[in-house]
Structures are given as structure tokens and as C-alpha cells.
Amino acid sequence: MSPGARRRRLALYVVLALVLPACLWVGWRDHDPWIDQALVRQRIREWIRGSLQLLVQYAIPGGIALFFIRRACGAGRRRHRLQDR
């Protein structure tokens, strides 16, 4: 391994070692281990309901539209190729 590559790898390790505690601090600073179980269940239900709403409202229609757009564009390309022959 060249000295330049070794220095870059060392720099990457140093940066990651500094970013890791920062991420843990930001992610866990407001964590409350004594939270009520009913509140946990309610938040899980809200997360599931919100995820399903996003799927039904955006992801599924977007996927269907993308499918039809790809089919339409693909069919147009095939038609032009057949006419060129």
C-alpha cells in the first residue's frame, strides 16, 4: 500500500472516529428509558399508520406510474426499431 493511500485511510478512520460519538450524542441525547408502555404502543401504531399512508399516497401510485411510463417509452422504442428494419 502506498504512503498516500495509507494516509487517506488513516484520515478516514480519524474522521469516522470523531463522527461516531457526535452521531450517538445527537441520536440518544433525548432518549428516556422510563417511557410509558402505552405511549410506546401508541407511537408504534402512529408510525405504522403513517408509513402505510405514505405507501398508499405516494410510493404505490408512483411505482405504478413509473411502470406505465417505462412500458410506454419501451413500446415506442420497439416500434421505431421495427420501422427502421
C-alpha atoms as a PDB file:
ATOM      1  CA  MET A   1       0.000   0.000   0.000  1.00  0.00           C
ATOM      2  CA  SER A   2       1.380   3.400  -0.930  1.00  0.00           C
ATOM      3  CA  PRO A   3       2.034   6.036   1.747  1.00  0.00           C
ATOM      4  CA  GLY A   4      -0.618   8.335   0.220  1.00  0.00           C
ATOM      5  CA  ALA A   5      -3.279   5.634   0.390  1.00  0.00           C
ATOM      6  CA  ARG A   6      -2.235   4.810   3.954  1.00  0.00           C
ATOM      7  CA  ARG A   7      -2.603   8.490   4.965  1.00  0.00           C
ATOM      8  CA  ARG A   8      -6.046   8.726   3.326  1.00  0.00           C
ATOM      9  CA  ARG A   9      -7.196   5.592   5.136  1.00  0.00           C
ATOM     10  CA  LEU A  10      -5.882   6.924   8.443  1.00  0.00           C
ATOM     11  CA  ALA A  11      -7.642  10.257   7.826  1.00  0.00           C
ATOM     12  CA  LEU A  12     -10.877   8.404   7.064  1.00  0.00           C
ATOM     13  CA  TYR A  13     -10.583   6.426  10.311  1.00  0.00           C
ATOM     14  CA  VAL A  14      -9.961   9.602  12.304  1.00  0.00           C
ATOM     15  CA  VAL A  15     -12.952  11.368  10.743  1.00  0.00           C
ATOM     16  CA  LEU A  16     -15.199   8.360  11.364  1.00  0.00           C
ATOM     17  CA  ALA A  17     -13.964   8.080  14.945  1.00  0.00           C
ATOM     18  CA  LEU A  18     -14.910  11.741  15.502  1.00  0.00           C
ATOM     19  CA  VAL A  19     -18.288  11.496  13.744  1.00  0.00           C
ATOM     20  CA  LEU A  20     -19.407   8.360  15.618  1.00  0.00           C
ATOM     21  CA  PRO A  21     -19.652   9.952  19.107  1.00  0.00           C
ATOM     22  CA  ALA A  22     -21.322  13.017  17.613  1.00  0.00           C
ATOM     23  CA  CYS A  23     -23.978  10.832  15.964  1.00  0.00           C
ATOM     24  CA  LEU A  24     -24.528   8.858  19.145  1.00  0.00           C
ATOM     25  CA  TRP A  25     -24.839  12.062  21.178  1.00  0.00           C
ATOM     26  CA  VAL A  26     -27.349  13.617  18.763  1.00  0.00           C
ATOM     27  CA  GLY A  27     -29.354  10.400  18.444  1.00  0.00           C
ATOM     28  CA  TRP A  28     -29.538   9.478  22.118  1.00  0.00           C
ATOM     29  CA  ARG A  29     -29.487  12.803  23.996  1.00  0.00           C
ATOM     30  CA  ASP A  30     -33.282  12.934  24.333  1.00  0.00           C
ATOM     31  CA  HIS A  31     -33.757   9.200  24.990  1.00  0.00           C
ATOM     32  CA  ASP A  32     -35.915   8.460  28.007  1.00  0.00           C
ATOM     33  CA  PRO A  33     -35.606   4.836  29.214  1.00  0.00           C
ATOM     34  CA  TRP A  34     -38.551   5.242  31.623  1.00  0.00           C
ATOM     35  CA  ILE A  35     -41.186   5.871  28.966  1.00  0.00           C
ATOM     36  CA  ASP A  36     -44.703   4.507  29.494  1.00  0.00           C
ATOM     37  CA  GLN A  37     -45.575   1.322  27.549  1.00  0.00           C
ATOM     38  CA  ALA A  38     -48.889   2.769  26.364  1.00  0.00           C
ATOM     39  CA  LEU A  39     -47.026   5.687  24.812  1.00  0.00           C
ATOM     40  CA  VAL A  40     -44.607   3.297  23.101  1.00  0.00           C
ATOM     41  CA  ARG A  41     -47.504   1.295  21.653  1.00  0.00           C
ATOM     42  CA  GLN A  42     -49.231   4.476  20.501  1.00  0.00           C
ATOM     43  CA  ARG A  43     -46.061   5.700  18.753  1.00  0.00           C
ATOM     44  CA  ILE A  44     -45.603   2.324  17.040  1.00  0.00           C
ATOM     45  CA  ARG A  45     -49.211   2.425  15.803  1.00  0.00           C
ATOM     46  CA  GLU A  46     -48.753   6.002  14.566  1.00  0.00           C
ATOM     47  CA  TRP A  47     -45.533   5.027  12.765  1.00  0.00           C
ATOM     48  CA  ILE A  48     -47.224   2.059  11.066  1.00  0.00           C
ATOM     49  CA  ARG A  49     -50.250   4.164  10.118  1.00  0.00           C
ATOM     50  CA  GLY A  50     -48.030   6.955   8.769  1.00  0.00           C
ATOM     51  CA  SER A  51     -45.888   4.520   6.798  1.00  0.00           C
ATOM     52  CA  LEU A  52     -48.948   2.891   5.260  1.00  0.00           C
ATOM     53  CA  GLN A  53     -50.351   6.312   4.384  1.00  0.00           C
ATOM     54  CA  LEU A  54     -47.086   7.272   2.645  1.00  0.00           C
ATOM     55  CA  LEU A  55     -47.083   3.985   0.752  1.00  0.00           C
ATOM     56  CA  VAL A  56     -50.679   4.340  -0.404  1.00  0.00           C
ATOM     57  CA  GLN A  57     -50.463   8.059  -1.083  1.00  0.00           C
ATOM     58  CA  TYR A  58     -47.076   8.317  -2.825  1.00  0.00           C
ATOM     59  CA  ALA A  59     -44.992   5.147  -3.253  1.00  0.00           C
ATOM     60  CA  ILE A  60     -47.550   2.781  -4.798  1.00  0.00           C
ATOM     61  CA  PRO A  61     -49.028   5.321  -7.264  1.00  0.00           C
ATOM     62  CA  GLY A  62     -45.510   6.465  -8.144  1.00  0.00           C
ATOM     63  CA  GLY A  63     -44.431   2.890  -8.812  1.00  0.00           C
ATOM     64  CA  ILE A  64     -47.486   2.221 -10.967  1.00  0.00           C
ATOM     65  CA  ALA A  65     -46.971   5.448 -12.929  1.00  0.00           C
ATOM     66  CA  LEU A  66     -43.285   4.610 -13.421  1.00  0.00           C
ATOM     67  CA  PHE A  67     -44.236   1.138 -14.631  1.00  0.00           C
ATOM     68  CA  PHE A  68     -46.637   2.539 -17.233  1.00  0.00           C
ATOM     69  CA  ILE A  69     -44.207   5.257 -18.313  1.00  0.00           C
ATOM     70  CA  ARG A  70     -41.434   2.699 -18.819  1.00  0.00           C
ATOM     71  CA  ARG A  71     -43.808   0.442 -20.743  1.00  0.00           C
ATOM     72  CA  ALA A  72     -44.960   3.323 -22.939  1.00  0.00           C
ATOM     73  CA  CYS A  73     -41.413   4.505 -23.641  1.00  0.00           C
ATOM     74  CA  GLY A  74     -40.212   0.957 -24.241  1.00  0.00           C
ATOM     75  CA  ALA A  75     -43.091   0.252 -26.637  1.00  0.00           C
ATOM     76  CA  GLY A  76     -42.306   3.442 -28.561  1.00  0.00           C
ATOM     77  CA  ARG A  77     -38.662   2.457 -28.919  1.00  0.00           C
ATOM     78  CA  ARG A  78     -39.580  -1.018 -30.127  1.00  0.00           C
ATOM     79  CA  ARG A  79     -41.992   0.406 -32.704  1.00  0.00           C
ATOM     80  CA  HIS A  80     -39.288   2.700 -34.107  1.00  0.00           C
ATOM     81  CA  ARG A  81     -36.785  -0.140 -34.306  1.00  0.00           C
ATOM     82  CA  LEU A  82     -39.245  -2.296 -36.247  1.00  0.00           C
ATOM     83  CA  GLN A  83     -39.943   0.540 -38.725  1.00  0.00           C
ATOM     84  CA  ASP A  84     -36.195   1.091 -39.316  1.00  0.00           C
ATOM     85  CA  ARG A  85     -35.685  -2.506 -40.488  1.00  0.00           C
END
